Amino acid sequence: MPCSCDQCPFAENTAFERHDANERDAVRVARSGEMQVRAGHPIVTEGSAPQRFYTLLEGQAIRYRILEDGRRQVLNFLFPGDLIGLQSALLDETTHTTEALSAVRLCVFERSQLWSLFAKVPRRAMMLTWQVAREEHFLGDALVTVGQRSAQEALAWAFVTLFDRGVQTGLVQNGKMPFPVRQQDLADALGLSLVHTNKTLAKLRAQGLVKWSRGTLALPDIEALAEIGLVEREQMRPRFFL
């Protein structure tokens, strides 16, 4: 069932900054509704003309590019609260595909409303700056991982980084979070073969550092895993959302 802005799933989530009444009104005017996408289906497609952008309300998604020979590079994993298609709306071109990893629910905004929305609620424009900065930080870490981290370090980095993002968005409950990612997705993100990913994951499981089965992830000793992955964990702060 579609929800109103007053029933937004992030409104009472302490991981997100609350909207005031003026911000809720501006977002209510700008949004054009909700959309649901089934797992495995695209949300935005590389090469398409951007007319909308979205807030991911529920579920998880993946952003990637396909090379001419069919190989795939995963660029990022998307969690509730993340914006989808904003870069395309700003740059007037869609340079990647975003696909639903699980069934997702999206809040829909028309591209034509973007600047009007940010003019009315300039504090929300900080979300644009925040998301661009976080994306740059993640891609920088991912580049270092592909170029310098070993396979074990790379997988440890990925699990810790994604789990911390799950904590930040309220997905982690009782030490576990939904994780509809496939081993192939991690391999394509980290520049590893599927066989190498599988063998390295088996070692982390044998050490009791990663529990991942049936779409659920738990990290029993995340500090030890972070040490393996050379991860500098950051203090979580409430984040913006639309």
C-alpha atoms as a PDB file:
ATOM      1  CA  MET A   1       0.000   0.000   0.000  1.00  0.00           C
ATOM      2  CA  PRO A   2       1.397   3.448  -0.917  1.00  0.00           C
ATOM      3  CA  CYS A   3       2.072   5.616   2.113  1.00  0.00           C
ATOM      4  CA  SER A   4       1.821   9.356   2.595  1.00  0.00           C
ATOM      5  CA  CYS A   5       4.803  11.475   3.621  1.00  0.00           C
ATOM      6  CA  ASP A   6       3.416  11.418   7.167  1.00  0.00           C
ATOM      7  CA  GLN A   7       3.805   7.621   7.118  1.00  0.00           C
ATOM      8  CA  CYS A   8       7.291   7.590   5.603  1.00  0.00           C
ATOM      9  CA  PRO A   9       9.253   4.555   6.897  1.00  0.00           C
ATOM     10  CA  PHE A  10      12.187   6.843   7.733  1.00  0.00           C
ATOM     11  CA  ALA A  11      10.173   9.305   9.819  1.00  0.00           C
ATOM     12  CA  GLU A  12      10.678   7.409  13.089  1.00  0.00           C
ATOM     13  CA  ASN A  13      13.983   5.796  12.132  1.00  0.00           C
ATOM     14  CA  THR A  14      16.693   7.336  14.312  1.00  0.00           C
ATOM     15  CA  ALA A  15      19.255   6.700  11.562  1.00  0.00           C
ATOM     16  CA  PHE A  16      17.640   9.532   9.555  1.00  0.00           C
ATOM     17  CA  GLU A  17      17.142  13.212  10.265  1.00  0.00           C
ATOM     18  CA  ARG A  18      13.513  14.127  10.661  1.00  0.00           C
ATOM     19  CA  HIS A  19      11.680  16.441   8.274  1.00  0.00           C
ATOM     20  CA  ASP A  20      10.009  19.490   9.729  1.00  0.00           C
ATOM     21  CA  ALA A  21       6.485  20.457   8.627  1.00  0.00           C
ATOM     22  CA  ASN A  22       7.673  22.741   5.809  1.00  0.00           C
ATOM     23  CA  GLU A  23       9.976  20.051   4.429  1.00  0.00           C
ATOM     24  CA  ARG A  24       7.209  17.438   4.531  1.00  0.00           C
ATOM     25  CA  ASP A  25       4.896  19.764   2.633  1.00  0.00           C
ATOM     26  CA  ALA A  26       7.517  20.486  -0.040  1.00  0.00           C
ATOM     27  CA  VAL A  27       8.337  16.805  -0.508  1.00  0.00           C
ATOM     28  CA  ARG A  28       4.619  15.939  -0.628  1.00  0.00           C
ATOM     29  CA  VAL A  29       4.137  18.400  -3.495  1.00  0.00           C
ATOM     30  CA  ALA A  30       7.225  17.205  -5.377  1.00  0.00           C
ATOM     31  CA  ARG A  31       6.635  13.465  -5.186  1.00  0.00           C
ATOM     32  CA  SER A  32       4.493  11.879  -7.877  1.00  0.00           C
ATOM     33  CA  GLY A  33       3.747   8.605  -6.130  1.00  0.00           C
ATOM     34  CA  GLU A  34       5.302   5.228  -5.465  1.00  0.00           C
ATOM     35  CA  MET A  35       6.539   2.380  -7.614  1.00  0.00           C
ATOM     36  CA  GLN A  36       7.351  -1.247  -6.917  1.00  0.00           C
ATOM     37  CA  VAL A  37       9.930  -3.267  -8.853  1.00  0.00           C
ATOM     38  CA  ARG A  38      10.427  -7.017  -8.619  1.00  0.00           C
ATOM     39  CA  ALA A  39      13.781  -8.592  -7.854  1.00  0.00           C
ATOM     40  CA  GLY A  40      15.997  -8.882 -10.920  1.00  0.00           C
ATOM     41  CA  HIS A  41      14.229  -6.098 -12.829  1.00  0.00           C
ATOM     42  CA  PRO A  42      15.814  -2.752 -13.778  1.00  0.00           C
ATOM     43  CA  ILE A  43      14.893   0.506 -12.069  1.00  0.00           C
ATOM     44  CA  VAL A  44      16.934   2.720 -14.400  1.00  0.00           C
ATOM     45  CA  THR A  45      18.693   1.506 -17.541  1.00  0.00           C
ATOM     46  CA  GLU A  46      21.992   2.626 -19.025  1.00  0.00           C
ATOM     47  CA  GLY A  47      21.456   4.823 -22.077  1.00  0.00           C
ATOM     48  CA  SER A  48      17.888   5.818 -21.212  1.00  0.00           C
ATOM     49  CA  ALA A  49      16.661   9.422 -21.029  1.00  0.00           C
ATOM     50  CA  PRO A  50      16.214  10.342 -17.340  1.00  0.00           C
ATOM     51  CA  GLN A  51      12.789  11.700 -16.463  1.00  0.00           C
ATOM     52  CA  ARG A  52      12.490  10.581 -12.846  1.00  0.00           C
ATOM     53  CA  PHE A  53      14.586   9.929  -9.790  1.00  0.00           C
ATOM     54  CA  TYR A  54      13.717   7.852  -6.754  1.00  0.00           C
ATOM     55  CA  THR A  55      14.217   7.307  -3.051  1.00  0.00           C
ATOM     56  CA  LEU A  56      14.615   3.647  -2.157  1.00  0.00           C
ATOM     57  CA  LEU A  57      12.050   3.044   0.578  1.00  0.00           C
ATOM     58  CA  GLU A  58      12.292  -0.725   1.006  1.00  0.00           C
ATOM     59  CA  GLY A  59      14.545  -3.438  -0.363  1.00  0.00           C
ATOM     60  CA  GLN A  60      18.034  -3.355  -1.845  1.00  0.00           C
ATOM     61  CA  ALA A  61      19.416  -2.666  -5.314  1.00  0.00           C
ATOM     62  CA  ILE A  62      22.668  -2.771  -7.262  1.00  0.00           C
ATOM     63  CA  ARG A  63      24.254  -0.284  -9.663  1.00  0.00           C
ATOM     64  CA  TYR A  64      26.493  -1.538 -12.476  1.00  0.00           C
ATOM     65  CA  ARG A  65      27.846  -1.012 -15.992  1.00  0.00           C
ATOM     66  CA  ILE A  66      28.174  -3.577 -18.771  1.00  0.00           C
ATOM     67  CA  LEU A  67      31.237  -3.611 -21.021  1.00  0.00           C
ATOM     68  CA  GLU A  68      30.902  -4.205 -24.744  1.00  0.00           C
ATOM     69  CA  ASP A  69      32.036  -7.815 -24.344  1.00  0.00           C
ATOM     70  CA  GLY A  70      29.352  -8.479 -21.711  1.00  0.00           C
ATOM     71  CA  ARG A  71      31.496  -8.266 -18.603  1.00  0.00           C
ATOM     72  CA  ARG A  72      29.960  -6.386 -15.688  1.00  0.00           C
ATOM     73  CA  GLN A  73      31.443  -3.929 -13.191  1.00  0.00           C
ATOM     74  CA  VAL A  74      29.367  -3.421 -10.053  1.00  0.00           C
ATOM     75  CA  LEU A  75      29.632   0.202  -8.928  1.00  0.00           C
ATOM     76  CA  ASN A  76      27.631   0.214  -5.717  1.00  0.00           C
ATOM     77  CA  PHE A  77      25.007  -1.463  -3.582  1.00  0.00           C
ATOM     78  CA  LEU A  78      21.940   0.575  -2.619  1.00  0.00           C
ATOM     79  CA  PHE A  79      20.060   0.524   0.670  1.00  0.00           C
ATOM     80  CA  PRO A  80      16.864   2.167   1.973  1.00  0.00           C
ATOM     81  CA  GLY A  81      17.213   5.944   1.979  1.00  0.00           C
ATOM     82  CA  ASP A  82      19.531   6.010  -1.033  1.00  0.00           C
ATOM     83  CA  LEU A  83      18.631   8.059  -4.093  1.00  0.00           C
ATOM     84  CA  ILE A  84      18.426   6.322  -7.465  1.00  0.00           C
ATOM     85  CA  GLY A  85      18.745   8.159 -10.765  1.00  0.00           C
ATOM     86  CA  LEU A  86      19.728  11.506  -9.275  1.00  0.00           C
ATOM     87  CA  GLN A  87      23.068  11.599 -11.081  1.00  0.00           C
ATOM     88  CA  SER A  88      21.281  10.885 -14.349  1.00  0.00           C
ATOM     89  CA  ALA A  89      18.761  13.647 -13.702  1.00  0.00           C
ATOM     90  CA  LEU A  90      21.574  16.116 -13.074  1.00  0.00           C
ATOM     91  CA  LEU A  91      23.828  15.045 -15.955  1.00  0.00           C
ATOM     92  CA  ASP A  92      21.046  14.502 -18.505  1.00  0.00           C
ATOM     93  CA  GLU A  93      22.243  10.970 -19.275  1.00  0.00           C
ATOM     94  CA  THR A  94      22.045   7.554 -17.681  1.00  0.00           C
ATOM     95  CA  THR A  95      25.500   5.984 -17.592  1.00  0.00           C
ATOM     96  CA  HIS A  96      24.674   2.851 -15.599  1.00  0.00           C
ATOM     97  CA  THR A  97      21.916   0.374 -14.824  1.00  0.00           C
ATOM     98  CA  THR A  98      20.309   0.053 -11.407  1.00  0.00           C
ATOM     99  CA  GLU A  99      18.613  -3.285 -10.763  1.00  0.00           C
ATOM    100  CA  ALA A 100      16.509  -4.493  -7.842  1.00  0.00           C
ATOM    101  CA  LEU A 101      18.277  -7.190  -5.801  1.00  0.00           C
ATOM    102  CA  SER A 102      15.090  -7.840  -3.866  1.00  0.00           C
ATOM    103  CA  ALA A 103      11.571  -6.590  -4.342  1.00  0.00           C
ATOM    104  CA  VAL A 104      11.818  -2.822  -3.822  1.00  0.00           C
ATOM    105  CA  ARG A 105       9.467   0.041  -3.093  1.00  0.00           C
ATOM    106  CA  LEU A 106      10.383   3.466  -4.424  1.00  0.00           C
ATOM    107  CA  CYS A 107       9.241   7.024  -3.808  1.00  0.00           C
ATOM    108  CA  VAL A 108       9.019   8.687  -7.234  1.00  0.00           C
ATOM    109  CA  PHE A 109      10.023  12.273  -8.066  1.00  0.00           C
ATOM    110  CA  GLU A 110       9.805  13.956 -11.444  1.00  0.00           C
ATOM    111  CA  ARG A 111      13.048  15.371 -12.743  1.00  0.00           C
ATOM    112  CA  SER A 112      11.291  18.670 -13.455  1.00  0.00           C
ATOM    113  CA  GLN A 113      10.664  19.087  -9.711  1.00  0.00           C
ATOM    114  CA  LEU A 114      14.301  18.748  -8.667  1.00  0.00           C
ATOM    115  CA  TRP A 115      15.419  22.374  -8.540  1.00  0.00           C
ATOM    116  CA  SER A 116      12.090  23.633  -7.249  1.00  0.00           C
ATOM    117  CA  LEU A 117      12.255  21.107  -4.424  1.00  0.00           C
ATOM    118  CA  PHE A 118      15.762  22.084  -3.411  1.00  0.00           C
ATOM    119  CA  ALA A 119      14.894  25.793  -3.655  1.00  0.00           C
ATOM    120  CA  LYS A 120      11.997  25.289  -1.237  1.00  0.00           C
ATOM    121  CA  VAL A 121      13.940  23.096   1.194  1.00  0.00           C
ATOM    122  CA  PRO A 122      17.634  24.026   0.880  1.00  0.00           C
ATOM    123  CA  ARG A 123      18.504  21.841   3.865  1.00  0.00           C
ATOM    124  CA  ARG A 124      17.452  18.835   1.788  1.00  0.00           C
ATOM    125  CA  ALA A 125      19.836  19.989  -0.923  1.00  0.00           C
ATOM    126  CA  MET A 126      22.518  18.940   1.535  1.00  0.00           C
ATOM    127  CA  MET A 127      21.414  15.399   0.755  1.00  0.00           C
ATOM    128  CA  LEU A 128      22.700  15.871  -2.770  1.00  0.00           C
ATOM    129  CA  THR A 129      26.092  17.003  -1.467  1.00  0.00           C
ATOM    130  CA  TRP A 130      26.149  14.204   1.101  1.00  0.00           C
ATOM    131  CA  GLN A 131      25.262  11.503  -1.399  1.00  0.00           C
ATOM    132  CA  VAL A 132      27.831  12.682  -3.947  1.00  0.00           C
ATOM    133  CA  ALA A 133      30.499  12.815  -1.229  1.00  0.00           C
ATOM    134  CA  ARG A 134      29.639   9.360   0.081  1.00  0.00           C
ATOM    135  CA  GLU A 135      29.552   7.911  -3.423  1.00  0.00           C
ATOM    136  CA  GLU A 136      32.985   9.378  -4.134  1.00  0.00           C
ATOM    137  CA  HIS A 137      34.306   7.987  -0.854  1.00  0.00           C
ATOM    138  CA  PHE A 138      32.911   4.515  -1.573  1.00  0.00           C
ATOM    139  CA  LEU A 139      34.231   4.457  -5.133  1.00  0.00           C
ATOM    140  CA  GLY A 140      37.630   5.603  -3.899  1.00  0.00           C
ATOM    141  CA  ASP A 141      37.742   2.787  -1.363  1.00  0.00           C
ATOM    142  CA  ALA A 142      36.513   0.337  -3.992  1.00  0.00           C
ATOM    143  CA  LEU A 143      39.285   1.405  -6.373  1.00  0.00           C
ATOM    144  CA  VAL A 144      41.890   0.900  -3.656  1.00  0.00           C
ATOM    145  CA  THR A 145      40.342  -2.484  -2.902  1.00  0.00           C
ATOM    146  CA  VAL A 146      40.442  -3.666  -6.504  1.00  0.00           C
ATOM    147  CA  GLY A 147      43.975  -2.397  -7.000  1.00  0.00           C
ATOM    148  CA  GLN A 148      45.677  -3.136  -3.681  1.00  0.00           C
ATOM    149  CA  ARG A 149      43.719  -5.373  -1.294  1.00  0.00           C
ATOM    150  CA  SER A 150      44.115  -9.147  -1.438  1.00  0.00           C
ATOM    151  CA  ALA A 151      41.014 -11.252  -2.059  1.00  0.00           C
ATOM    152  CA  GLN A 152      40.555 -11.875   1.677  1.00  0.00           C
ATOM    153  CA  GLU A 153      41.078  -8.209   2.485  1.00  0.00           C
ATOM    154  CA  ALA A 154      38.684  -7.192  -0.290  1.00  0.00           C
ATOM    155  CA  LEU A 155      35.867  -9.462   0.878  1.00  0.00           C
ATOM    156  CA  ALA A 156      36.392  -8.407   4.497  1.00  0.00           C
ATOM    157  CA  TRP A 157      36.245  -4.745   3.426  1.00  0.00           C
ATOM    158  CA  ALA A 158      33.045  -5.327   1.465  1.00  0.00           C
ATOM    159  CA  PHE A 159      31.247  -7.180   4.263  1.00  0.00           C
ATOM    160  CA  VAL A 160      32.184  -4.632   6.936  1.00  0.00           C
ATOM    161  CA  THR A 161      31.372  -1.638   4.735  1.00  0.00           C
ATOM    162  CA  LEU A 162      27.993  -2.977   3.632  1.00  0.00           C
ATOM    163  CA  PHE A 163      27.072  -4.198   7.114  1.00  0.00           C
ATOM    164  CA  ASP A 164      27.854  -0.773   8.582  1.00  0.00           C
ATOM    165  CA  ARG A 165      25.609   0.787   5.949  1.00  0.00           C
ATOM    166  CA  GLY A 166      22.913  -1.661   7.002  1.00  0.00           C
ATOM    167  CA  VAL A 167      23.332  -0.498  10.585  1.00  0.00           C
ATOM    168  CA  GLN A 168      23.073   3.112   9.438  1.00  0.00           C
ATOM    169  CA  THR A 169      19.762   2.492   7.692  1.00  0.00           C
ATOM    170  CA  GLY A 170      18.218   0.364  10.425  1.00  0.00           C
ATOM    171  CA  LEU A 171      18.393  -2.918   8.499  1.00  0.00           C
ATOM    172  CA  VAL A 172      20.458  -4.717  11.131  1.00  0.00           C
ATOM    173  CA  GLN A 173      18.304  -6.337  13.805  1.00  0.00           C
ATOM    174  CA  ASN A 174      19.682  -8.689  16.455  1.00  0.00           C
ATOM    175  CA  GLY A 175      23.036  -8.720  14.710  1.00  0.00           C
ATOM    176  CA  LYS A 176      21.621  -9.802  11.342  1.00  0.00           C
ATOM    177  CA  MET A 177      20.551  -8.003   8.186  1.00  0.00           C
ATOM    178  CA  PRO A 178      18.790  -8.946   4.937  1.00  0.00           C
ATOM    179  CA  PHE A 179      21.452  -9.456   2.277  1.00  0.00           C
ATOM    180  CA  PRO A 180      20.045 -10.508  -1.127  1.00  0.00           C
ATOM    181  CA  VAL A 181      23.474 -10.074  -2.760  1.00  0.00           C
ATOM    182  CA  ARG A 182      24.931 -13.014  -4.732  1.00  0.00           C
ATOM    183  CA  GLN A 183      28.553 -14.128  -4.699  1.00  0.00           C
ATOM    184  CA  GLN A 184      28.735 -13.084  -8.360  1.00  0.00           C
ATOM    185  CA  ASP A 185      27.712  -9.548  -7.373  1.00  0.00           C
ATOM    186  CA  LEU A 186      30.583  -9.328  -4.897  1.00  0.00           C
ATOM    187  CA  ALA A 187      32.990 -10.812  -7.437  1.00  0.00           C
ATOM    188  CA  ASP A 188      31.929  -8.230 -10.044  1.00  0.00           C
ATOM    189  CA  ALA A 189      32.348  -5.421  -7.515  1.00  0.00           C
ATOM    190  CA  LEU A 190      35.788  -6.518  -6.355  1.00  0.00           C
ATOM    191  CA  GLY A 191      37.360  -7.616  -9.631  1.00  0.00           C
ATOM    192  CA  LEU A 192      37.562 -11.261  -8.523  1.00  0.00           C
ATOM    193  CA  SER A 193      36.578 -14.476 -10.254  1.00  0.00           C
ATOM    194  CA  LEU A 194      33.576 -16.323  -8.845  1.00  0.00           C
ATOM    195  CA  VAL A 195      35.798 -19.309  -7.964  1.00  0.00           C
ATOM    196  CA  HIS A 196      38.268 -17.108  -6.063  1.00  0.00           C
ATOM    197  CA  THR A 197      35.402 -15.359  -4.279  1.00  0.00           C
ATOM    198  CA  ASN A 198      33.869 -18.678  -3.251  1.00  0.00           C
ATOM    199  CA  LYS A 199      37.159 -20.068  -1.886  1.00  0.00           C
ATOM    200  CA  THR A 200      37.975 -16.890   0.016  1.00  0.00           C
ATOM    201  CA  LEU A 201      34.478 -16.689   1.475  1.00  0.00           C
ATOM    202  CA  ALA A 202      34.828 -20.302   2.650  1.00  0.00           C
ATOM    203  CA  LYS A 203      37.953 -19.322   4.614  1.00  0.00           C
ATOM    204  CA  LEU A 204      36.172 -16.405   6.297  1.00  0.00           C
ATOM    205  CA  ARG A 205      33.281 -18.683   7.180  1.00  0.00           C
ATOM    206  CA  ALA A 206      35.654 -21.299   8.590  1.00  0.00           C
ATOM    207  CA  GLN A 207      37.178 -18.620  10.839  1.00  0.00           C
ATOM    208  CA  GLY A 208      33.710 -17.786  12.138  1.00  0.00           C
ATOM    209  CA  LEU A 209      33.893 -14.230  10.822  1.00  0.00           C
ATOM    210  CA  VAL A 210      31.062 -14.347   8.273  1.00  0.00           C
ATOM    211  CA  LYS A 211      27.664 -16.043   8.490  1.00  0.00           C
ATOM    212  CA  TRP A 212      25.806 -15.628   5.201  1.00  0.00           C
ATOM    213  CA  SER A 213      22.988 -17.916   4.137  1.00  0.00           C
ATOM    214  CA  ARG A 214      19.450 -17.680   2.752  1.00  0.00           C
ATOM    215  CA  GLY A 215      19.744 -13.962   2.123  1.00  0.00           C
ATOM    216  CA  THR A 216      20.821 -13.064   5.670  1.00  0.00           C
ATOM    217  CA  LEU A 217      24.219 -11.741   6.771  1.00  0.00           C
ATOM    218  CA  ALA A 218      25.783 -11.716  10.242  1.00  0.00           C
ATOM    219  CA  LEU A 219      29.333 -10.733  11.211  1.00  0.00           C
ATOM    220  CA  PRO A 220      30.035 -12.300  14.632  1.00  0.00           C
ATOM    221  CA  ASP A 221      33.350 -10.447  15.088  1.00  0.00           C
ATOM    222  CA  ILE A 222      33.134  -7.347  12.918  1.00  0.00           C
ATOM    223  CA  GLU A 223      36.159  -5.740  14.563  1.00  0.00           C
ATOM    224  CA  ALA A 224      38.379  -8.675  13.628  1.00  0.00           C
ATOM    225  CA  LEU A 225      36.955  -8.628  10.107  1.00  0.00           C
ATOM    226  CA  ALA A 226      37.568  -4.878   9.851  1.00  0.00           C
ATOM    227  CA  GLU A 227      41.186  -5.462  10.874  1.00  0.00           C
ATOM    228  CA  ILE A 228      41.590  -8.021   8.087  1.00  0.00           C
ATOM    229  CA  GLY A 229      39.979  -5.663   5.565  1.00  0.00           C
ATOM    230  CA  LEU A 230      42.025  -2.649   6.694  1.00  0.00           C
ATOM    231  CA  VAL A 231      38.784  -0.760   7.323  1.00  0.00           C
ATOM    232  CA  GLU A 232      38.677   2.477   9.280  1.00  0.00           C
ATOM    233  CA  ARG A 233      35.160   2.379  10.680  1.00  0.00           C
ATOM    234  CA  GLU A 234      33.401   5.716  11.097  1.00  0.00           C
ATOM    235  CA  GLN A 235      30.986   6.908  13.725  1.00  0.00           C
ATOM    236  CA  MET A 236      27.434   6.762  12.409  1.00  0.00           C
ATOM    237  CA  ARG A 237      25.526  10.030  12.161  1.00  0.00           C
ATOM    238  CA  PRO A 238      21.879  10.628  11.213  1.00  0.00           C
ATOM    239  CA  ARG A 239      21.591  11.045   7.456  1.00  0.00           C
ATOM    240  CA  PHE A 240      19.334  13.061   5.169  1.00  0.00           C
ATOM    241  CA  PHE A 241      16.557  11.574   3.071  1.00  0.00           C
ATOM    242  CA  LEU A 242      13.867  12.653   0.617  1.00  0.00           C
END
